[in-house]
Amino acid sequence: MPRLTREEVEHVAYLARLSLTEEEKEMFTEQLNRILEAFAKLQELQTEDVEPLSHVIPLKNVFAEDEGKDWQSLTTEEALANAPEQENNHFVVPRIVED
């Protein structure tokens, strides 16, 4: 099985615009090689007769049914009742845009 070299890890880091320390380069080289070894073991499995799955656990719809509700909207007076300041049926707020 081919292994990643330190130079290949440095090249990938360069492409990803990552600045790695010498310790990180060594650590990532080891970790990536362990990941590749795990994938190599998975490739040894006989999977010809196994159907592909979208999920390992059977899923069911967990959402509630849509139900229409008779919502009552606020009147303009009710909406503005607690407004600190109002004018012509609108909220008055401080101007935040600079000239």
PDB file of N, CA and C in Angstrom:
ATOM      1  N   MET A   1       0.840  -1.177   0.000  1.00  0.00           N
ATOM      2  CA  MET A   1       0.000   0.000   0.000  1.00  0.00           C
ATOM      3  C   MET A   1       0.893   1.252   0.000  1.00  0.00           C
ATOM      4  N   PRO A   2       0.614   2.198  -0.913  1.00  0.00           N
ATOM      5  CA  PRO A   2       1.414   3.428  -0.926  1.00  0.00           C
ATOM      6  C   PRO A   2       1.148   4.275   0.314  1.00  0.00           C
ATOM      7  N   ARG A   3       2.177   4.936   0.763  1.00  0.00           N
ATOM      8  CA  ARG A   3       2.061   5.807   1.930  1.00  0.00           C
ATOM      9  C   ARG A   3       2.313   7.239   1.499  1.00  0.00           C
ATOM     10  N   LEU A   4       1.699   8.166   2.198  1.00  0.00           N
ATOM     11  CA  LEU A   4       1.942   9.589   1.933  1.00  0.00           C
ATOM     12  C   LEU A   4       3.303   9.990   2.488  1.00  0.00           C
ATOM     13  N   THR A   5       3.987  10.799   1.734  1.00  0.00           N
ATOM     14  CA  THR A   5       5.272  11.314   2.217  1.00  0.00           C
ATOM     15  C   THR A   5       5.060  12.661   2.874  1.00  0.00           C
ATOM     16  N   ARG A   6       6.043  13.084   3.596  1.00  0.00           N
ATOM     17  CA  ARG A   6       5.997  14.402   4.240  1.00  0.00           C
ATOM     18  C   ARG A   6       5.870  15.497   3.178  1.00  0.00           C
ATOM     19  N   GLU A   7       6.540  15.310   2.037  1.00  0.00           N
ATOM     20  CA  GLU A   7       6.484  16.299   0.965  1.00  0.00           C
ATOM     21  C   GLU A   7       5.066  16.416   0.397  1.00  0.00           C
ATOM     22  N   GLU A   8       4.363  15.293   0.305  1.00  0.00           N
ATOM     23  CA  GLU A   8       2.984  15.330  -0.186  1.00  0.00           C
ATOM     24  C   GLU A   8       2.076  16.065   0.801  1.00  0.00           C
ATOM     25  N   VAL A   9       2.293  15.848   2.081  1.00  0.00           N
ATOM     26  CA  VAL A   9       1.514  16.568   3.097  1.00  0.00           C
ATOM     27  C   VAL A   9       1.818  18.061   3.023  1.00  0.00           C
ATOM     28  N   GLU A  10       3.068  18.418   2.838  1.00  0.00           N
ATOM     29  CA  GLU A  10       3.432  19.831   2.688  1.00  0.00           C
ATOM     30  C   GLU A  10       2.770  20.430   1.453  1.00  0.00           C
ATOM     31  N   HIS A  11       2.704  19.654   0.357  1.00  0.00           N
ATOM     32  CA  HIS A  11       2.084  20.148  -0.866  1.00  0.00           C
ATOM     33  C   HIS A  11       0.581  20.372  -0.672  1.00  0.00           C
ATOM     34  N   VAL A  12      -0.089  19.447  -0.008  1.00  0.00           N
ATOM     35  CA  VAL A  12      -1.522  19.605   0.269  1.00  0.00           C
ATOM     36  C   VAL A  12      -1.754  20.812   1.173  1.00  0.00           C
ATOM     37  N   ALA A  13      -0.897  20.986   2.168  1.00  0.00           N
ATOM     38  CA  ALA A  13      -1.016  22.152   3.059  1.00  0.00           C
ATOM     39  C   ALA A  13      -0.822  23.436   2.260  1.00  0.00           C
ATOM     40  N   TYR A  14       0.109  23.427   1.327  1.00  0.00           N
ATOM     41  CA  TYR A  14       0.340  24.603   0.479  1.00  0.00           C
ATOM     42  C   TYR A  14      -0.897  24.905  -0.362  1.00  0.00           C
ATOM     43  N   LEU A  15      -1.492  23.867  -0.957  1.00  0.00           N
ATOM     44  CA  LEU A  15      -2.688  24.065  -1.772  1.00  0.00           C
ATOM     45  C   LEU A  15      -3.855  24.591  -0.951  1.00  0.00           C
ATOM     46  N   ALA A  16      -3.931  24.156   0.302  1.00  0.00           N
ATOM     47  CA  ALA A  16      -5.006  24.599   1.198  1.00  0.00           C
ATOM     48  C   ALA A  16      -4.665  25.914   1.892  1.00  0.00           C
ATOM     49  N   ARG A  17      -3.499  26.450   1.577  1.00  0.00           N
ATOM     50  CA  ARG A  17      -3.021  27.709   2.177  1.00  0.00           C
ATOM     51  C   ARG A  17      -2.920  27.599   3.692  1.00  0.00           C
ATOM     52  N   LEU A  18      -2.413  26.439   4.153  1.00  0.00           N
ATOM     53  CA  LEU A  18      -2.216  26.213   5.580  1.00  0.00           C
ATOM     54  C   LEU A  18      -0.738  26.341   5.909  1.00  0.00           C
ATOM     55  N   SER A  19      -0.469  27.013   6.994  1.00  0.00           N
ATOM     56  CA  SER A  19       0.899  27.130   7.475  1.00  0.00           C
ATOM     57  C   SER A  19       1.067  26.151   8.627  1.00  0.00           C
ATOM     58  N   LEU A  20       1.869  25.107   8.388  1.00  0.00           N
ATOM     59  CA  LEU A  20       2.038  24.059   9.399  1.00  0.00           C
ATOM     60  C   LEU A  20       3.433  24.116  10.009  1.00  0.00           C
ATOM     61  N   THR A  21       3.481  23.828  11.298  1.00  0.00           N
ATOM     62  CA  THR A  21       4.780  23.708  11.960  1.00  0.00           C
ATOM     63  C   THR A  21       5.386  22.352  11.592  1.00  0.00           C
ATOM     64  N   GLU A  22       6.655  22.160  11.915  1.00  0.00           N
ATOM     65  CA  GLU A  22       7.315  20.884  11.638  1.00  0.00           C
ATOM     66  C   GLU A  22       6.623  19.745  12.385  1.00  0.00           C
ATOM     67  N   GLU A  23       6.194  20.016  13.630  1.00  0.00           N
ATOM     68  CA  GLU A  23       5.507  18.990  14.419  1.00  0.00           C
ATOM     69  C   GLU A  23       4.163  18.635  13.790  1.00  0.00           C
ATOM     70  N   GLU A  24       3.437  19.643  13.293  1.00  0.00           N
ATOM     71  CA  GLU A  24       2.147  19.388  12.654  1.00  0.00           C
ATOM     72  C   GLU A  24       2.327  18.585  11.364  1.00  0.00           C
ATOM     73  N   LYS A  25       3.352  18.893  10.598  1.00  0.00           N
ATOM     74  CA  LYS A  25       3.609  18.139   9.362  1.00  0.00           C
ATOM     75  C   LYS A  25       3.845  16.674   9.682  1.00  0.00           C
ATOM     76  N   GLU A  26       4.623  16.419  10.702  1.00  0.00           N
ATOM     77  CA  GLU A  26       4.907  15.035  11.114  1.00  0.00           C
ATOM     78  C   GLU A  26       3.634  14.348  11.607  1.00  0.00           C
ATOM     79  N   MET A  27       2.872  15.048  12.441  1.00  0.00           N
ATOM     80  CA  MET A  27       1.649  14.492  13.003  1.00  0.00           C
ATOM     81  C   MET A  27       0.640  14.184  11.898  1.00  0.00           C
ATOM     82  N   PHE A  28       0.437  15.125  10.956  1.00  0.00           N
ATOM     83  CA  PHE A  28      -0.537  14.908   9.888  1.00  0.00           C
ATOM     84  C   PHE A  28      -0.093  13.811   8.939  1.00  0.00           C
ATOM     85  N   THR A  29       1.189  13.683   8.700  1.00  0.00           N
ATOM     86  CA  THR A  29       1.682  12.592   7.859  1.00  0.00           C
ATOM     87  C   THR A  29       1.320  11.255   8.490  1.00  0.00           C
ATOM     88  N   GLU A  30       1.547  11.112   9.790  1.00  0.00           N
ATOM     89  CA  GLU A  30       1.214   9.868  10.497  1.00  0.00           C
ATOM     90  C   GLU A  30      -0.297   9.627  10.498  1.00  0.00           C
ATOM     91  N   GLN A  31      -1.082  10.657  10.820  1.00  0.00           N
ATOM     92  CA  GLN A  31      -2.529  10.497  10.900  1.00  0.00           C
ATOM     93  C   GLN A  31      -3.137  10.150   9.540  1.00  0.00           C
ATOM     94  N   LEU A  32      -2.714  10.820   8.488  1.00  0.00           N
ATOM     95  CA  LEU A  32      -3.256  10.540   7.162  1.00  0.00           C
ATOM     96  C   LEU A  32      -2.891   9.134   6.699  1.00  0.00           C
ATOM     97  N   ASN A  33      -1.690   8.683   7.033  1.00  0.00           N
ATOM     98  CA  ASN A  33      -1.307   7.321   6.670  1.00  0.00           C
ATOM     99  C   ASN A  33      -2.125   6.283   7.426  1.00  0.00           C
ATOM    100  N   ARG A  34      -2.472   6.567   8.683  1.00  0.00           N
ATOM    101  CA  ARG A  34      -3.333   5.648   9.441  1.00  0.00           C
ATOM    102  C   ARG A  34      -4.734   5.599   8.832  1.00  0.00           C
ATOM    103  N   ILE A  35      -5.222   6.744   8.369  1.00  0.00           N
ATOM    104  CA  ILE A  35      -6.539   6.789   7.715  1.00  0.00           C
ATOM    105  C   ILE A  35      -6.506   5.960   6.431  1.00  0.00           C
ATOM    106  N   LEU A  36      -5.447   6.114   5.634  1.00  0.00           N
ATOM    107  CA  LEU A  36      -5.330   5.339   4.398  1.00  0.00           C
ATOM    108  C   LEU A  36      -5.245   3.841   4.680  1.00  0.00           C
ATOM    109  N   GLU A  37      -4.580   3.451   5.770  1.00  0.00           N
ATOM    110  CA  GLU A  37      -4.515   2.038   6.150  1.00  0.00           C
ATOM    111  C   GLU A  37      -5.906   1.511   6.502  1.00  0.00           C
ATOM    112  N   ALA A  38      -6.707   2.329   7.179  1.00  0.00           N
ATOM    113  CA  ALA A  38      -8.062   1.910   7.539  1.00  0.00           C
ATOM    114  C   ALA A  38      -8.902   1.710   6.275  1.00  0.00           C
ATOM    115  N   PHE A  39      -8.755   2.589   5.293  1.00  0.00           N
ATOM    116  CA  PHE A  39      -9.496   2.431   4.048  1.00  0.00           C
ATOM    117  C   PHE A  39      -9.024   1.193   3.285  1.00  0.00           C
ATOM    118  N   ALA A  40      -7.748   0.901   3.351  1.00  0.00           N
ATOM    119  CA  ALA A  40      -7.229  -0.297   2.688  1.00  0.00           C
ATOM    120  C   ALA A  40      -7.862  -1.541   3.295  1.00  0.00           C
ATOM    121  N   LYS A  41      -8.055  -1.561   4.615  1.00  0.00           N
ATOM    122  CA  LYS A  41      -8.703  -2.706   5.262  1.00  0.00           C
ATOM    123  C   LYS A  41     -10.154  -2.818   4.824  1.00  0.00           C
ATOM    124  N   LEU A  42     -10.835  -1.675   4.671  1.00  0.00           N
ATOM    125  CA  LEU A  42     -12.229  -1.707   4.227  1.00  0.00           C
ATOM    126  C   LEU A  42     -12.342  -2.266   2.817  1.00  0.00           C
ATOM    127  N   GLN A  43     -11.352  -2.007   1.982  1.00  0.00           N
ATOM    128  CA  GLN A  43     -11.396  -2.502   0.608  1.00  0.00           C
ATOM    129  C   GLN A  43     -11.232  -4.022   0.539  1.00  0.00           C
ATOM    130  N   GLU A  44     -10.770  -4.638   1.602  1.00  0.00           N
ATOM    131  CA  GLU A  44     -10.628  -6.088   1.640  1.00  0.00           C
ATOM    132  C   GLU A  44     -11.970  -6.789   1.854  1.00  0.00           C
ATOM    133  N   LEU A  45     -12.987  -6.052   2.298  1.00  0.00           N
ATOM    134  CA  LEU A  45     -14.294  -6.652   2.576  1.00  0.00           C
ATOM    135  C   LEU A  45     -15.003  -7.025   1.281  1.00  0.00           C
ATOM    136  N   GLN A  46     -15.744  -8.153   1.341  1.00  0.00           N
ATOM    137  CA  GLN A  46     -16.556  -8.583   0.208  1.00  0.00           C
ATOM    138  C   GLN A  46     -17.898  -7.849   0.259  1.00  0.00           C
ATOM    139  N   THR A  47     -18.118  -6.949  -0.681  1.00  0.00           N
ATOM    140  CA  THR A  47     -19.343  -6.136  -0.654  1.00  0.00           C
ATOM    141  C   THR A  47     -20.166  -6.291  -1.929  1.00  0.00           C
ATOM    142  N   GLU A  48     -19.866  -7.303  -2.752  1.00  0.00           N
ATOM    143  CA  GLU A  48     -20.579  -7.456  -4.023  1.00  0.00           C
ATOM    144  C   GLU A  48     -22.074  -7.676  -3.822  1.00  0.00           C
ATOM    145  N   ASP A  49     -22.463  -8.433  -2.804  1.00  0.00           N
ATOM    146  CA  ASP A  49     -23.872  -8.766  -2.595  1.00  0.00           C
ATOM    147  C   ASP A  49     -24.561  -7.857  -1.573  1.00  0.00           C
ATOM    148  N   VAL A  50     -23.925  -6.781  -1.202  1.00  0.00           N
ATOM    149  CA  VAL A  50     -24.501  -5.866  -0.209  1.00  0.00           C
ATOM    150  C   VAL A  50     -25.145  -4.695  -0.940  1.00  0.00           C
ATOM    151  N   GLU A  51     -26.430  -4.474  -0.645  1.00  0.00           N
ATOM    152  CA  GLU A  51     -27.126  -3.357  -1.272  1.00  0.00           C
ATOM    153  C   GLU A  51     -26.706  -2.045  -0.626  1.00  0.00           C
ATOM    154  N   PRO A  52     -26.548  -0.993  -1.429  1.00  0.00           N
ATOM    155  CA  PRO A  52     -26.189   0.310  -0.868  1.00  0.00           C
ATOM    156  C   PRO A  52     -27.296   0.835   0.048  1.00  0.00           C
ATOM    157  N   LEU A  53     -26.897   1.547   1.074  1.00  0.00           N
ATOM    158  CA  LEU A  53     -27.842   2.126   2.026  1.00  0.00           C
ATOM    159  C   LEU A  53     -27.723   3.638   2.001  1.00  0.00           C
ATOM    160  N   SER A  54     -28.838   4.302   2.216  1.00  0.00           N
ATOM    161  CA  SER A  54     -28.766   5.746   2.395  1.00  0.00           C
ATOM    162  C   SER A  54     -28.575   6.074   3.871  1.00  0.00           C
ATOM    163  N   HIS A  55     -28.973   5.121   4.741  1.00  0.00           N
ATOM    164  CA  HIS A  55     -28.822   5.306   6.180  1.00  0.00           C
ATOM    165  C   HIS A  55     -28.812   3.925   6.826  1.00  0.00           C
ATOM    166  N   VAL A  56     -28.013   3.735   7.849  1.00  0.00           N
ATOM    167  CA  VAL A  56     -27.905   2.415   8.467  1.00  0.00           C
ATOM    168  C   VAL A  56     -29.081   2.079   9.367  1.00  0.00           C
ATOM    169  N   ILE A  57     -29.807   3.060   9.815  1.00  0.00           N
ATOM    170  CA  ILE A  57     -30.957   2.846  10.688  1.00  0.00           C
ATOM    171  C   ILE A  57     -32.211   3.212   9.902  1.00  0.00           C
ATOM    172  N   PRO A  58     -33.241   2.375   9.903  1.00  0.00           N
ATOM    173  CA  PRO A  58     -34.472   2.740   9.187  1.00  0.00           C
ATOM    174  C   PRO A  58     -35.045   4.038   9.759  1.00  0.00           C
ATOM    175  N   LEU A  59     -35.372   4.941   8.870  1.00  0.00           N
ATOM    176  CA  LEU A  59     -35.905   6.226   9.304  1.00  0.00           C
ATOM    177  C   LEU A  59     -37.393   6.306   9.010  1.00  0.00           C
ATOM    178  N   LYS A  60     -38.088   7.082   9.795  1.00  0.00           N
ATOM    179  CA  LYS A  60     -39.495   7.352   9.527  1.00  0.00           C
ATOM    180  C   LYS A  60     -39.706   8.847   9.694  1.00  0.00           C
ATOM    181  N   ASN A  61     -40.777   9.323   9.152  1.00  0.00           N
ATOM    182  CA  ASN A  61     -41.088  10.740   9.248  1.00  0.00           C
ATOM    183  C   ASN A  61     -41.379  11.094  10.707  1.00  0.00           C
ATOM    184  N   VAL A  62     -40.610  12.012  11.254  1.00  0.00           N
ATOM    185  CA  VAL A  62     -40.778  12.380  12.654  1.00  0.00           C
ATOM    186  C   VAL A  62     -41.457  13.744  12.796  1.00  0.00           C
ATOM    187  N   PHE A  63     -41.952  14.256  11.675  1.00  0.00           N
ATOM    188  CA  PHE A  63     -42.577  15.566  11.713  1.00  0.00           C
ATOM    189  C   PHE A  63     -44.071  15.443  11.988  1.00  0.00           C
ATOM    190  N   ALA A  64     -44.628  16.424  12.620  1.00  0.00           N
ATOM    191  CA  ALA A  64     -46.062  16.452  12.868  1.00  0.00           C
ATOM    192  C   ALA A  64     -46.792  16.818  11.581  1.00  0.00           C
ATOM    193  N   GLU A  65     -48.010  16.382  11.483  1.00  0.00           N
ATOM    194  CA  GLU A  65     -48.820  16.732  10.324  1.00  0.00           C
ATOM    195  C   GLU A  65     -49.074  18.238  10.302  1.00  0.00           C
ATOM    196  N   ASP A  66     -49.142  18.783   9.091  1.00  0.00           N
ATOM    197  CA  ASP A  66     -49.471  20.198   8.953  1.00  0.00           C
ATOM    198  C   ASP A  66     -50.925  20.407   9.335  1.00  0.00           C
ATOM    199  N   GLU A  67     -51.132  21.376  10.181  1.00  0.00           N
ATOM    200  CA  GLU A  67     -52.488  21.694  10.599  1.00  0.00           C
ATOM    201  C   GLU A  67     -52.690  23.184  10.455  1.00  0.00           C
ATOM    202  N   GLY A  68     -53.790  23.541   9.850  1.00  0.00           N
ATOM    203  CA  GLY A  68     -54.116  24.958   9.742  1.00  0.00           C
ATOM    204  C   GLY A  68     -54.581  25.494  11.081  1.00  0.00           C
ATOM    205  N   LYS A  69     -54.173  26.674  11.409  1.00  0.00           N
ATOM    206  CA  LYS A  69     -54.603  27.278  12.673  1.00  0.00           C
ATOM    207  C   LYS A  69     -55.230  28.631  12.363  1.00  0.00           C
ATOM    208  N   ASP A  70     -56.194  28.967  13.150  1.00  0.00           N
ATOM    209  CA  ASP A  70     -56.872  30.244  12.961  1.00  0.00           C
ATOM    210  C   ASP A  70     -56.175  31.283  13.837  1.00  0.00           C
ATOM    211  N   TRP A  71     -55.101  31.855  13.287  1.00  0.00           N
ATOM    212  CA  TRP A  71     -54.340  32.846  14.024  1.00  0.00           C
ATOM    213  C   TRP A  71     -55.045  34.186  13.944  1.00  0.00           C
ATOM    214  N   GLN A  72     -54.989  34.907  15.029  1.00  0.00           N
ATOM    215  CA  GLN A  72     -55.606  36.216  15.051  1.00  0.00           C
ATOM    216  C   GLN A  72     -54.487  37.251  15.038  1.00  0.00           C
ATOM    217  N   SER A  73     -54.496  38.110  14.049  1.00  0.00           N
ATOM    218  CA  SER A  73     -53.473  39.139  13.942  1.00  0.00           C
ATOM    219  C   SER A  73     -53.752  40.278  14.907  1.00  0.00           C
ATOM    220  N   LEU A  74     -52.686  40.977  15.264  1.00  0.00           N
ATOM    221  CA  LEU A  74     -52.841  42.155  16.119  1.00  0.00           C
ATOM    222  C   LEU A  74     -53.354  43.325  15.296  1.00  0.00           C
ATOM    223  N   THR A  75     -54.123  44.140  15.951  1.00  0.00           N
ATOM    224  CA  THR A  75     -54.512  45.390  15.303  1.00  0.00           C
ATOM    225  C   THR A  75     -53.336  46.350  15.398  1.00  0.00           C
ATOM    226  N   THR A  76     -53.357  47.398  14.616  1.00  0.00           N
ATOM    227  CA  THR A  76     -52.292  48.397  14.660  1.00  0.00           C
ATOM    228  C   THR A  76     -52.164  48.974  16.066  1.00  0.00           C
ATOM    229  N   GLU A  77     -53.278  49.237  16.701  1.00  0.00           N
ATOM    230  CA  GLU A  77     -53.263  49.808  18.050  1.00  0.00           C
ATOM    231  C   GLU A  77     -52.630  48.837  19.047  1.00  0.00           C
ATOM    232  N   GLU A  78     -52.948  47.544  18.928  1.00  0.00           N
ATOM    233  CA  GLU A  78     -52.375  46.546  19.828  1.00  0.00           C
ATOM    234  C   GLU A  78     -50.870  46.404  19.612  1.00  0.00           C
ATOM    235  N   ALA A  79     -50.442  46.451  18.344  1.00  0.00           N
ATOM    236  CA  ALA A  79     -49.016  46.311  18.044  1.00  0.00           C
ATOM    237  C   ALA A  79     -48.228  47.493  18.575  1.00  0.00           C
ATOM    238  N   LEU A  80     -48.813  48.687  18.530  1.00  0.00           N
ATOM    239  CA  LEU A  80     -48.114  49.893  18.964  1.00  0.00           C
ATOM    240  C   LEU A  80     -48.345  50.230  20.431  1.00  0.00           C
ATOM    241  N   ALA A  81     -49.130  49.418  21.123  1.00  0.00           N
ATOM    242  CA  ALA A  81     -49.514  49.743  22.500  1.00  0.00           C
ATOM    243  C   ALA A  81     -48.312  49.947  23.418  1.00  0.00           C
ATOM    244  N   ASN A  82     -47.242  49.184  23.303  1.00  0.00           N
ATOM    245  CA  ASN A  82     -46.087  49.289  24.188  1.00  0.00           C
ATOM    246  C   ASN A  82     -44.915  50.026  23.548  1.00  0.00           C
ATOM    247  N   ALA A  83     -45.123  50.610  22.388  1.00  0.00           N
ATOM    248  CA  ALA A  83     -44.039  51.314  21.706  1.00  0.00           C
ATOM    249  C   ALA A  83     -43.673  52.568  22.500  1.00  0.00           C
ATOM    250  N   PRO A  84     -42.374  52.782  22.758  1.00  0.00           N
ATOM    251  CA  PRO A  84     -41.974  53.966  23.495  1.00  0.00           C
ATOM    252  C   PRO A  84     -42.331  55.249  22.750  1.00  0.00           C
ATOM    253  N   GLU A  85     -42.297  55.161  21.404  1.00  0.00           N
ATOM    254  CA  GLU A  85     -42.636  56.338  20.606  1.00  0.00           C
ATOM    255  C   GLU A  85     -43.251  55.868  19.296  1.00  0.00           C
ATOM    256  N   GLN A  86     -44.314  56.550  18.874  1.00  0.00           N
ATOM    257  CA  GLN A  86     -44.980  56.211  17.628  1.00  0.00           C
ATOM    258  C   GLN A  86     -45.459  57.460  16.931  1.00  0.00           C
ATOM    259  N   GLU A  87     -45.612  57.349  15.630  1.00  0.00           N
ATOM    260  CA  GLU A  87     -46.068  58.494  14.842  1.00  0.00           C
ATOM    261  C   GLU A  87     -46.751  57.972  13.585  1.00  0.00           C
ATOM    262  N   ASN A  88     -47.961  58.425  13.313  1.00  0.00           N
ATOM    263  CA  ASN A  88     -48.736  58.026  12.131  1.00  0.00           C
ATOM    264  C   ASN A  88     -48.813  56.505  11.981  1.00  0.00           C
ATOM    265  N   ASN A  89     -49.147  55.820  13.066  1.00  0.00           N
ATOM    266  CA  ASN A  89     -49.287  54.363  13.084  1.00  0.00           C
ATOM    267  C   ASN A  89     -48.002  53.617  12.724  1.00  0.00           C
ATOM    268  N   HIS A  90     -46.838  54.191  13.068  1.00  0.00           N
ATOM    269  CA  HIS A  90     -45.545  53.555  12.833  1.00  0.00           C
ATOM    270  C   HIS A  90     -44.704  53.653  14.103  1.00  0.00           C
ATOM    271  N   PHE A  91     -43.767  52.717  14.265  1.00  0.00           N
ATOM    272  CA  PHE A  91     -42.792  52.807  15.333  1.00  0.00           C
ATOM    273  C   PHE A  91     -41.800  53.909  14.989  1.00  0.00           C
ATOM    274  N   VAL A  92     -41.394  54.682  15.985  1.00  0.00           N
ATOM    275  CA  VAL A  92     -40.327  55.679  15.792  1.00  0.00           C
ATOM    276  C   VAL A  92     -39.089  55.127  16.464  1.00  0.00           C
ATOM    277  N   VAL A  93     -38.012  55.040  15.692  1.00  0.00           N
ATOM    278  CA  VAL A  93     -36.757  54.500  16.206  1.00  0.00           C
ATOM    279  C   VAL A  93     -35.640  55.495  15.928  1.00  0.00           C
ATOM    280  N   PRO A  94     -34.529  55.415  16.667  1.00  0.00           N
ATOM    281  CA  PRO A  94     -33.431  56.340  16.431  1.00  0.00           C
ATOM    282  C   PRO A  94     -32.801  56.089  15.056  1.00  0.00           C
ATOM    283  N   ARG A  95     -32.374  57.161  14.425  1.00  0.00           N
ATOM    284  CA  ARG A  95     -31.701  57.047  13.134  1.00  0.00           C
ATOM    285  C   ARG A  95     -30.291  56.473  13.372  1.00  0.00           C
ATOM    286  N   ILE A  96     -29.928  55.475  12.584  1.00  0.00           N
ATOM    287  CA  ILE A  96     -28.627  54.850  12.761  1.00  0.00           C
ATOM    288  C   ILE A  96     -27.727  55.014  11.524  1.00  0.00           C
ATOM    289  N   VAL A  97     -28.269  55.575  10.459  1.00  0.00           N
ATOM    290  CA  VAL A  97     -27.488  55.786   9.237  1.00  0.00           C
ATOM    291  C   VAL A  97     -26.801  57.140   9.337  1.00  0.00           C
ATOM    292  N   GLU A  98     -25.478  57.122   9.135  1.00  0.00           N
ATOM    293  CA  GLU A  98     -24.740  58.379   9.211  1.00  0.00           C
ATOM    294  C   GLU A  98     -24.864  59.131   7.895  1.00  0.00           C
ATOM    295  N   ASP A  99     -24.837  60.448   7.989  1.00  0.00           N
ATOM    296  CA  ASP A  99     -24.912  61.270   6.758  1.00  0.00           C
ATOM    297  C   ASP A  99     -23.599  61.310   6.058  1.00  0.00           C
TER     298      ASP A  99
END
